[in-house]
Amino acid sequence: MADRRLSEYLEAVEDSSSFMRFVECLSADRKSVEQLTLTCDGFQGEWANQSIADFLDAARTWAEDSAFGERQAAVRENPWKQFALFLWAGRTYE
């Protein structure tokens, strides 16, 4: 991820190219934490959801709870950012 944090890549999403860069960094982040041991509360790094099923369920739940980001000021005119937020939520939403 070079010098930028994953959250900075998320904030920079504005088009297909920046979305794909975010996905690349999200994937790299996941690969890096797979080397970590689960903590006593079940977390692995900053990833709250360890299985693909849990990841997708968390993303779906976030989308339902936030009206797909509209309640969290996700810009409706930027569907790339909305979907990046959806993926981000799969990583952290419980």
PDB file of N, CA and C in Angstrom:
ATOM      1  N   MET A   1       0.819  -1.193   0.000  1.00  0.00           N
ATOM      2  CA  MET A   1       0.000   0.000   0.000  1.00  0.00           C
ATOM      3  C   MET A   1       0.861   1.254   0.000  1.00  0.00           C
ATOM      4  N   ALA A   2       2.115   1.062  -0.133  1.00  0.00           N
ATOM      5  CA  ALA A   2       3.054   2.189  -0.181  1.00  0.00           C
ATOM      6  C   ALA A   2       2.893   3.035   1.068  1.00  0.00           C
ATOM      7  N   ASP A   3       2.841   4.362   0.890  1.00  0.00           N
ATOM      8  CA  ASP A   3       2.781   5.262   2.034  1.00  0.00           C
ATOM      9  C   ASP A   3       1.355   5.629   2.431  1.00  0.00           C
ATOM     10  N   ARG A   4       0.398   5.239   1.640  1.00  0.00           N
ATOM     11  CA  ARG A   4      -0.977   5.620   1.928  1.00  0.00           C
ATOM     12  C   ARG A   4      -1.679   4.534   2.727  1.00  0.00           C
ATOM     13  N   ARG A   5      -2.551   4.963   3.588  1.00  0.00           N
ATOM     14  CA  ARG A   5      -3.367   4.030   4.350  1.00  0.00           C
ATOM     15  C   ARG A   5      -4.571   3.609   3.517  1.00  0.00           C
ATOM     16  N   LEU A   6      -5.106   2.443   3.808  1.00  0.00           N
ATOM     17  CA  LEU A   6      -6.258   1.933   3.077  1.00  0.00           C
ATOM     18  C   LEU A   6      -7.412   2.935   3.098  1.00  0.00           C
ATOM     19  N   SER A   7      -7.631   3.586   4.221  1.00  0.00           N
ATOM     20  CA  SER A   7      -8.720   4.561   4.309  1.00  0.00           C
ATOM     21  C   SER A   7      -8.517   5.733   3.351  1.00  0.00           C
ATOM     22  N   GLU A   8      -7.274   6.083   3.070  1.00  0.00           N
ATOM     23  CA  GLU A   8      -7.003   7.159   2.111  1.00  0.00           C
ATOM     24  C   GLU A   8      -7.370   6.731   0.694  1.00  0.00           C
ATOM     25  N   TYR A   9      -7.140   5.469   0.377  1.00  0.00           N
ATOM     26  CA  TYR A   9      -7.554   4.960  -0.935  1.00  0.00           C
ATOM     27  C   TYR A   9      -9.079   4.950  -1.034  1.00  0.00           C
ATOM     28  N   LEU A  10      -9.737   4.604   0.058  1.00  0.00           N
ATOM     29  CA  LEU A  10     -11.200   4.652   0.080  1.00  0.00           C
ATOM     30  C   LEU A  10     -11.700   6.062  -0.193  1.00  0.00           C
ATOM     31  N   GLU A  11     -11.144   7.022   0.502  1.00  0.00           N
ATOM     32  CA  GLU A  11     -11.572   8.412   0.335  1.00  0.00           C
ATOM     33  C   GLU A  11     -11.290   8.938  -1.069  1.00  0.00           C
ATOM     34  N   ALA A  12     -10.305   8.383  -1.739  1.00  0.00           N
ATOM     35  CA  ALA A  12      -9.919   8.859  -3.072  1.00  0.00           C
ATOM     36  C   ALA A  12     -10.756   8.254  -4.202  1.00  0.00           C
ATOM     37  N   VAL A  13     -11.656   7.322  -3.882  1.00  0.00           N
ATOM     38  CA  VAL A  13     -12.444   6.677  -4.939  1.00  0.00           C
ATOM     39  C   VAL A  13     -13.384   7.684  -5.578  1.00  0.00           C
ATOM     40  N   GLU A  14     -13.228   7.824  -6.911  1.00  0.00           N
ATOM     41  CA  GLU A  14     -14.099   8.732  -7.658  1.00  0.00           C
ATOM     42  C   GLU A  14     -14.460   8.199  -9.037  1.00  0.00           C
ATOM     43  N   ASP A  15     -13.771   7.145  -9.478  1.00  0.00           N
ATOM     44  CA  ASP A  15     -14.014   6.587 -10.800  1.00  0.00           C
ATOM     45  C   ASP A  15     -13.550   5.130 -10.803  1.00  0.00           C
ATOM     46  N   SER A  16     -13.647   4.489 -11.970  1.00  0.00           N
ATOM     47  CA  SER A  16     -13.295   3.069 -12.032  1.00  0.00           C
ATOM     48  C   SER A  16     -11.829   2.809 -11.703  1.00  0.00           C
ATOM     49  N   SER A  17     -10.946   3.682 -12.118  1.00  0.00           N
ATOM     50  CA  SER A  17      -9.508   3.486 -11.851  1.00  0.00           C
ATOM     51  C   SER A  17      -9.189   3.568 -10.370  1.00  0.00           C
ATOM     52  N   SER A  18      -9.725   4.583  -9.699  1.00  0.00           N
ATOM     53  CA  SER A  18      -9.454   4.720  -8.264  1.00  0.00           C
ATOM     54  C   SER A  18     -10.173   3.630  -7.472  1.00  0.00           C
ATOM     55  N   PHE A  19     -11.325   3.166  -7.960  1.00  0.00           N
ATOM     56  CA  PHE A  19     -12.015   2.050  -7.316  1.00  0.00           C
ATOM     57  C   PHE A  19     -11.161   0.785  -7.401  1.00  0.00           C
ATOM     58  N   MET A  20     -10.624   0.516  -8.581  1.00  0.00           N
ATOM     59  CA  MET A  20      -9.799  -0.674  -8.750  1.00  0.00           C
ATOM     60  C   MET A  20      -8.532  -0.606  -7.899  1.00  0.00           C
ATOM     61  N   ARG A  21      -7.966   0.569  -7.736  1.00  0.00           N
ATOM     62  CA  ARG A  21      -6.795   0.729  -6.862  1.00  0.00           C
ATOM     63  C   ARG A  21      -7.181   0.444  -5.416  1.00  0.00           C
ATOM     64  N   PHE A  22      -8.358   0.921  -4.997  1.00  0.00           N
ATOM     65  CA  PHE A  22      -8.842   0.631  -3.650  1.00  0.00           C
ATOM     66  C   PHE A  22      -9.008  -0.879  -3.454  1.00  0.00           C
ATOM     67  N   VAL A  23      -9.622  -1.555  -4.437  1.00  0.00           N
ATOM     68  CA  VAL A  23      -9.826  -3.004  -4.336  1.00  0.00           C
ATOM     69  C   VAL A  23      -8.483  -3.729  -4.262  1.00  0.00           C
ATOM     70  N   GLU A  24      -7.530  -3.286  -5.051  1.00  0.00           N
ATOM     71  CA  GLU A  24      -6.187  -3.873  -5.004  1.00  0.00           C
ATOM     72  C   GLU A  24      -5.587  -3.737  -3.604  1.00  0.00           C
ATOM     73  N   CYS A  25      -5.733  -2.576  -3.013  1.00  0.00           N
ATOM     74  CA  CYS A  25      -5.176  -2.336  -1.678  1.00  0.00           C
ATOM     75  C   CYS A  25      -5.960  -3.075  -0.600  1.00  0.00           C
ATOM     76  N   LEU A  26      -7.268  -3.170  -0.770  1.00  0.00           N
ATOM     77  CA  LEU A  26      -8.088  -3.936   0.168  1.00  0.00           C
ATOM     78  C   LEU A  26      -7.654  -5.402   0.151  1.00  0.00           C
ATOM     79  N   SER A  27      -7.434  -5.938  -1.021  1.00  0.00           N
ATOM     80  CA  SER A  27      -6.972  -7.314  -1.158  1.00  0.00           C
ATOM     81  C   SER A  27      -5.600  -7.501  -0.507  1.00  0.00           C
ATOM     82  N   ALA A  28      -4.696  -6.576  -0.753  1.00  0.00           N
ATOM     83  CA  ALA A  28      -3.357  -6.650  -0.141  1.00  0.00           C
ATOM     84  C   ALA A  28      -3.454  -6.578   1.376  1.00  0.00           C
ATOM     85  N   ASP A  29      -4.346  -5.731   1.880  1.00  0.00           N
ATOM     86  CA  ASP A  29      -4.544  -5.608   3.319  1.00  0.00           C
ATOM     87  C   ASP A  29      -5.023  -6.935   3.902  1.00  0.00           C
ATOM     88  N   ARG A  30      -5.981  -7.563   3.225  1.00  0.00           N
ATOM     89  CA  ARG A  30      -6.499  -8.848   3.706  1.00  0.00           C
ATOM     90  C   ARG A  30      -5.398  -9.905   3.703  1.00  0.00           C
ATOM     91  N   LYS A  31      -4.621  -9.952   2.639  1.00  0.00           N
ATOM     92  CA  LYS A  31      -3.529 -10.930   2.565  1.00  0.00           C
ATOM     93  C   LYS A  31      -2.524 -10.721   3.686  1.00  0.00           C
ATOM     94  N   SER A  32      -2.258  -9.466   4.020  1.00  0.00           N
ATOM     95  CA  SER A  32      -1.279  -9.198   5.078  1.00  0.00           C
ATOM     96  C   SER A  32      -1.781  -9.631   6.447  1.00  0.00           C
ATOM     97  N   VAL A  33      -3.079  -9.487   6.718  1.00  0.00           N
ATOM     98  CA  VAL A  33      -3.582  -9.878   8.036  1.00  0.00           C
ATOM     99  C   VAL A  33      -3.816 -11.374   8.149  1.00  0.00           C
ATOM    100  N   GLU A  34      -3.846 -12.084   7.028  1.00  0.00           N
ATOM    101  CA  GLU A  34      -4.007 -13.533   7.106  1.00  0.00           C
ATOM    102  C   GLU A  34      -2.817 -14.183   7.812  1.00  0.00           C
ATOM    103  N   GLN A  35      -1.726 -13.456   7.917  1.00  0.00           N
ATOM    104  CA  GLN A  35      -0.544 -13.954   8.622  1.00  0.00           C
ATOM    105  C   GLN A  35      -0.662 -13.770  10.132  1.00  0.00           C
ATOM    106  N   LEU A  36      -1.637 -12.963  10.581  1.00  0.00           N
ATOM    107  CA  LEU A  36      -1.808 -12.675  12.003  1.00  0.00           C
ATOM    108  C   LEU A  36      -2.650 -13.749  12.679  1.00  0.00           C
ATOM    109  N   THR A  37      -2.461 -13.892  13.965  1.00  0.00           N
ATOM    110  CA  THR A  37      -3.258 -14.800  14.766  1.00  0.00           C
ATOM    111  C   THR A  37      -4.534 -14.091  15.202  1.00  0.00           C
ATOM    112  N   LEU A  38      -5.631 -14.833  15.265  1.00  0.00           N
ATOM    113  CA  LEU A  38      -6.874 -14.242  15.765  1.00  0.00           C
ATOM    114  C   LEU A  38      -6.704 -13.809  17.210  1.00  0.00           C
ATOM    115  N   THR A  39      -7.278 -12.675  17.550  1.00  0.00           N
ATOM    116  CA  THR A  39      -7.265 -12.216  18.937  1.00  0.00           C
ATOM    117  C   THR A  39      -8.366 -12.946  19.702  1.00  0.00           C
ATOM    118  N   CYS A  40      -8.419 -12.764  20.997  1.00  0.00           N
ATOM    119  CA  CYS A  40      -9.411 -13.462  21.813  1.00  0.00           C
ATOM    120  C   CYS A  40     -10.841 -13.071  21.446  1.00  0.00           C
ATOM    121  N   ASP A  41     -11.031 -11.888  20.846  1.00  0.00           N
ATOM    122  CA  ASP A  41     -12.381 -11.482  20.441  1.00  0.00           C
ATOM    123  C   ASP A  41     -12.679 -11.871  18.990  1.00  0.00           C
ATOM    124  N   GLY A  42     -11.808 -12.653  18.364  1.00  0.00           N
ATOM    125  CA  GLY A  42     -12.064 -13.167  17.031  1.00  0.00           C
ATOM    126  C   GLY A  42     -11.616 -12.266  15.893  1.00  0.00           C
ATOM    127  N   PHE A  43     -10.943 -11.175  16.189  1.00  0.00           N
ATOM    128  CA  PHE A  43     -10.489 -10.258  15.147  1.00  0.00           C
ATOM    129  C   PHE A  43      -9.143 -10.692  14.610  1.00  0.00           C
ATOM    130  N   GLN A  44      -8.935 -10.394  13.365  1.00  0.00           N
ATOM    131  CA  GLN A  44      -7.651 -10.648  12.720  1.00  0.00           C
ATOM    132  C   GLN A  44      -7.245  -9.311  12.115  1.00  0.00           C
ATOM    133  N   GLY A  45      -6.332  -8.613  12.778  1.00  0.00           N
ATOM    134  CA  GLY A  45      -6.015  -7.251  12.360  1.00  0.00           C
ATOM    135  C   GLY A  45      -7.254  -6.394  12.537  1.00  0.00           C
ATOM    136  N   GLU A  46      -7.565  -5.601  11.534  1.00  0.00           N
ATOM    137  CA  GLU A  46      -8.760  -4.761  11.589  1.00  0.00           C
ATOM    138  C   GLU A  46      -9.941  -5.402  10.872  1.00  0.00           C
ATOM    139  N   TRP A  47      -9.802  -6.662  10.511  1.00  0.00           N
ATOM    140  CA  TRP A  47     -10.865  -7.375   9.812  1.00  0.00           C
ATOM    141  C   TRP A  47     -11.775  -8.057  10.830  1.00  0.00           C
ATOM    142  N   ALA A  48     -12.981  -7.563  10.964  1.00  0.00           N
ATOM    143  CA  ALA A  48     -13.935  -8.135  11.902  1.00  0.00           C
ATOM    144  C   ALA A  48     -14.562  -9.414  11.361  1.00  0.00           C
ATOM    145  N   ASN A  49     -14.567  -9.581  10.041  1.00  0.00           N
ATOM    146  CA  ASN A  49     -15.260 -10.703   9.412  1.00  0.00           C
ATOM    147  C   ASN A  49     -14.260 -11.568   8.665  1.00  0.00           C
ATOM    148  N   GLN A  50     -14.116 -12.806   9.138  1.00  0.00           N
ATOM    149  CA  GLN A  50     -13.050 -13.675   8.648  1.00  0.00           C
ATOM    150  C   GLN A  50     -13.443 -14.519   7.442  1.00  0.00           C
ATOM    151  N   SER A  51     -14.691 -14.903   7.329  1.00  0.00           N
ATOM    152  CA  SER A  51     -15.098 -15.737   6.193  1.00  0.00           C
ATOM    153  C   SER A  51     -15.755 -14.863   5.121  1.00  0.00           C
ATOM    154  N   ILE A  52     -15.800 -15.358   3.901  1.00  0.00           N
ATOM    155  CA  ILE A  52     -16.446 -14.612   2.822  1.00  0.00           C
ATOM    156  C   ILE A  52     -17.930 -14.442   3.129  1.00  0.00           C
ATOM    157  N   ALA A  53     -18.547 -15.450   3.732  1.00  0.00           N
ATOM    158  CA  ALA A  53     -19.966 -15.344   4.084  1.00  0.00           C
ATOM    159  C   ALA A  53     -20.189 -14.226   5.096  1.00  0.00           C
ATOM    160  N   ASP A  54     -19.343 -14.168   6.129  1.00  0.00           N
ATOM    161  CA  ASP A  54     -19.476 -13.103   7.130  1.00  0.00           C
ATOM    162  C   ASP A  54     -19.179 -11.737   6.520  1.00  0.00           C
ATOM    163  N   PHE A  55     -18.176 -11.683   5.649  1.00  0.00           N
ATOM    164  CA  PHE A  55     -17.824 -10.439   4.963  1.00  0.00           C
ATOM    165  C   PHE A  55     -19.020  -9.917   4.159  1.00  0.00           C
ATOM    166  N   LEU A  56     -19.612 -10.784   3.356  1.00  0.00           N
ATOM    167  CA  LEU A  56     -20.746 -10.369   2.523  1.00  0.00           C
ATOM    168  C   LEU A  56     -21.969 -10.033   3.365  1.00  0.00           C
ATOM    169  N   ASP A  57     -22.204 -10.796   4.425  1.00  0.00           N
ATOM    170  CA  ASP A  57     -23.347 -10.502   5.294  1.00  0.00           C
ATOM    171  C   ASP A  57     -23.177  -9.148   5.976  1.00  0.00           C
ATOM    172  N   ALA A  58     -21.969  -8.841   6.421  1.00  0.00           N
ATOM    173  CA  ALA A  58     -21.709  -7.542   7.049  1.00  0.00           C
ATOM    174  C   ALA A  58     -21.907  -6.408   6.050  1.00  0.00           C
ATOM    175  N   ALA A  59     -21.418  -6.592   4.826  1.00  0.00           N
ATOM    176  CA  ALA A  59     -21.591  -5.563   3.796  1.00  0.00           C
ATOM    177  C   ALA A  59     -23.074  -5.356   3.499  1.00  0.00           C
ATOM    178  N   ARG A  60     -23.821  -6.445   3.375  1.00  0.00           N
ATOM    179  CA  ARG A  60     -25.262  -6.352   3.117  1.00  0.00           C
ATOM    180  C   ARG A  60     -25.979  -5.656   4.272  1.00  0.00           C
ATOM    181  N   THR A  61     -25.635  -6.029   5.500  1.00  0.00           N
ATOM    182  CA  THR A  61     -26.260  -5.413   6.671  1.00  0.00           C
ATOM    183  C   THR A  61     -25.958  -3.923   6.730  1.00  0.00           C
ATOM    184  N   TRP A  62     -24.709  -3.553   6.453  1.00  0.00           N
ATOM    185  CA  TRP A  62     -24.351  -2.131   6.402  1.00  0.00           C
ATOM    186  C   TRP A  62     -25.205  -1.409   5.356  1.00  0.00           C
ATOM    187  N   ALA A  63     -25.348  -2.021   4.172  1.00  0.00           N
ATOM    188  CA  ALA A  63     -26.125  -1.391   3.103  1.00  0.00           C
ATOM    189  C   ALA A  63     -27.572  -1.188   3.531  1.00  0.00           C
ATOM    190  N   GLU A  64     -28.135  -2.162   4.209  1.00  0.00           N
ATOM    191  CA  GLU A  64     -29.508  -2.028   4.701  1.00  0.00           C
ATOM    192  C   GLU A  64     -29.602  -0.967   5.793  1.00  0.00           C
ATOM    193  N   ASP A  65     -28.682  -0.999   6.742  1.00  0.00           N
ATOM    194  CA  ASP A  65     -28.718  -0.067   7.875  1.00  0.00           C
ATOM    195  C   ASP A  65     -28.453   1.381   7.479  1.00  0.00           C
ATOM    196  N   SER A  66     -27.679   1.584   6.415  1.00  0.00           N
ATOM    197  CA  SER A  66     -27.264   2.941   6.043  1.00  0.00           C
ATOM    198  C   SER A  66     -27.934   3.454   4.772  1.00  0.00           C
ATOM    199  N   ALA A  67     -28.933   2.709   4.265  1.00  0.00           N
ATOM    200  CA  ALA A  67     -29.536   3.042   2.967  1.00  0.00           C
ATOM    201  C   ALA A  67     -28.434   3.142   1.908  1.00  0.00           C
ATOM    202  N   PHE A  68     -27.593   2.140   1.904  1.00  0.00           N
ATOM    203  CA  PHE A  68     -26.428   2.032   1.014  1.00  0.00           C
ATOM    204  C   PHE A  68     -25.543   3.269   1.092  1.00  0.00           C
ATOM    205  N   GLY A  69     -25.285   3.694   2.309  1.00  0.00           N
ATOM    206  CA  GLY A  69     -24.351   4.787   2.562  1.00  0.00           C
ATOM    207  C   GLY A  69     -24.970   6.168   2.611  1.00  0.00           C
ATOM    208  N   GLU A  70     -26.222   6.305   2.207  1.00  0.00           N
ATOM    209  CA  GLU A  70     -26.841   7.635   2.183  1.00  0.00           C
ATOM    210  C   GLU A  70     -26.958   8.231   3.580  1.00  0.00           C
ATOM    211  N   ARG A  71     -27.153   7.412   4.596  1.00  0.00           N
ATOM    212  CA  ARG A  71     -27.234   7.917   5.980  1.00  0.00           C
ATOM    213  C   ARG A  71     -25.864   8.292   6.533  1.00  0.00           C
ATOM    214  N   GLN A  72     -24.814   7.921   5.814  1.00  0.00           N
ATOM    215  CA  GLN A  72     -23.452   8.256   6.227  1.00  0.00           C
ATOM    216  C   GLN A  72     -22.819   9.218   5.235  1.00  0.00           C
ATOM    217  N   ALA A  73     -23.633   9.921   4.536  1.00  0.00           N
ATOM    218  CA  ALA A  73     -23.193  10.971   3.599  1.00  0.00           C
ATOM    219  C   ALA A  73     -22.412  10.444   2.404  1.00  0.00           C
ATOM    220  N   ALA A  74     -22.647   9.188   2.014  1.00  0.00           N
ATOM    221  CA  ALA A  74     -22.039   8.702   0.770  1.00  0.00           C
ATOM    222  C   ALA A  74     -22.715   9.441  -0.376  1.00  0.00           C
ATOM    223  N   VAL A  75     -21.939   9.875  -1.310  1.00  0.00           N
ATOM    224  CA  VAL A  75     -22.458  10.687  -2.404  1.00  0.00           C
ATOM    225  C   VAL A  75     -23.183   9.793  -3.402  1.00  0.00           C
ATOM    226  N   ARG A  76     -24.452  10.040  -3.581  1.00  0.00           N
ATOM    227  CA  ARG A  76     -25.263   9.244  -4.504  1.00  0.00           C
ATOM    228  C   ARG A  76     -24.738   9.354  -5.931  1.00  0.00           C
ATOM    229  N   GLU A  77     -24.167  10.490  -6.280  1.00  0.00           N
ATOM    230  CA  GLU A  77     -23.657  10.694  -7.637  1.00  0.00           C
ATOM    231  C   GLU A  77     -22.377   9.914  -7.905  1.00  0.00           C
ATOM    232  N   ASN A  78     -21.828   9.263  -6.901  1.00  0.00           N
ATOM    233  CA  ASN A  78     -20.588   8.520  -7.068  1.00  0.00           C
ATOM    234  C   ASN A  78     -20.803   7.048  -6.716  1.00  0.00           C
ATOM    235  N   PRO A  79     -21.330   6.256  -7.658  1.00  0.00           N
ATOM    236  CA  PRO A  79     -21.572   4.842  -7.356  1.00  0.00           C
ATOM    237  C   PRO A  79     -20.282   4.067  -7.077  1.00  0.00           C
ATOM    238  N   TRP A  80     -19.160   4.529  -7.601  1.00  0.00           N
ATOM    239  CA  TRP A  80     -17.879   3.865  -7.312  1.00  0.00           C
ATOM    240  C   TRP A  80     -17.560   3.959  -5.831  1.00  0.00           C
ATOM    241  N   LYS A  81     -17.787   5.125  -5.259  1.00  0.00           N
ATOM    242  CA  LYS A  81     -17.524   5.337  -3.826  1.00  0.00           C
ATOM    243  C   LYS A  81     -18.508   4.526  -2.995  1.00  0.00           C
ATOM    244  N   GLN A  82     -19.771   4.483  -3.415  1.00  0.00           N
ATOM    245  CA  GLN A  82     -20.754   3.705  -2.661  1.00  0.00           C
ATOM    246  C   GLN A  82     -20.357   2.233  -2.608  1.00  0.00           C
ATOM    247  N   PHE A  83     -19.915   1.680  -3.718  1.00  0.00           N
ATOM    248  CA  PHE A  83     -19.547   0.280  -3.701  1.00  0.00           C
ATOM    249  C   PHE A  83     -18.240   0.062  -2.943  1.00  0.00           C
ATOM    250  N   ALA A  84     -17.333   1.017  -2.997  1.00  0.00           N
ATOM    251  CA  ALA A  84     -16.114   0.920  -2.184  1.00  0.00           C
ATOM    252  C   ALA A  84     -16.479   0.907  -0.700  1.00  0.00           C
ATOM    253  N   LEU A  85     -17.433   1.738  -0.303  1.00  0.00           N
ATOM    254  CA  LEU A  85     -17.898   1.744   1.089  1.00  0.00           C
ATOM    255  C   LEU A  85     -18.543   0.407   1.457  1.00  0.00           C
ATOM    256  N   PHE A  86     -19.259  -0.176   0.515  1.00  0.00           N
ATOM    257  CA  PHE A  86     -19.873  -1.487   0.715  1.00  0.00           C
ATOM    258  C   PHE A  86     -18.790  -2.524   1.034  1.00  0.00           C
ATOM    259  N   LEU A  87     -17.712  -2.523   0.265  1.00  0.00           N
ATOM    260  CA  LEU A  87     -16.611  -3.456   0.514  1.00  0.00           C
ATOM    261  C   LEU A  87     -15.911  -3.151   1.832  1.00  0.00           C
ATOM    262  N   TRP A  88     -15.709  -1.876   2.114  1.00  0.00           N
ATOM    263  CA  TRP A  88     -15.090  -1.458   3.375  1.00  0.00           C
ATOM    264  C   TRP A  88     -15.925  -1.974   4.553  1.00  0.00           C
ATOM    265  N   ALA A  89     -17.250  -1.868   4.425  1.00  0.00           N
ATOM    266  CA  ALA A  89     -18.129  -2.325   5.495  1.00  0.00           C
ATOM    267  C   ALA A  89     -18.003  -3.829   5.723  1.00  0.00           C
ATOM    268  N   GLY A  90     -17.798  -4.581   4.643  1.00  0.00           N
ATOM    269  CA  GLY A  90     -17.601  -6.019   4.799  1.00  0.00           C
ATOM    270  C   GLY A  90     -16.391  -6.337   5.656  1.00  0.00           C
ATOM    271  N   ARG A  91     -15.436  -5.465   5.619  1.00  0.00           N
ATOM    272  CA  ARG A  91     -14.197  -5.623   6.391  1.00  0.00           C
ATOM    273  C   ARG A  91     -14.411  -5.333   7.875  1.00  0.00           C
ATOM    274  N   THR A  92     -15.252  -4.353   8.197  1.00  0.00           N
ATOM    275  CA  THR A  92     -15.305  -3.859   9.575  1.00  0.00           C
ATOM    276  C   THR A  92     -16.668  -3.899  10.253  1.00  0.00           C
ATOM    277  N   TYR A  93     -17.744  -3.972   9.501  1.00  0.00           N
ATOM    278  CA  TYR A  93     -19.083  -3.844  10.091  1.00  0.00           C
ATOM    279  C   TYR A  93     -19.462  -5.106  10.840  1.00  0.00           C
ATOM    280  N   GLU A  94     -20.056  -4.928  12.000  1.00  0.00           N
ATOM    281  CA  GLU A  94     -20.506  -6.089  12.795  1.00  0.00           C
ATOM    282  C   GLU A  94     -21.988  -6.023  13.039  1.00  0.00           C
TER     283      GLU A  94
END
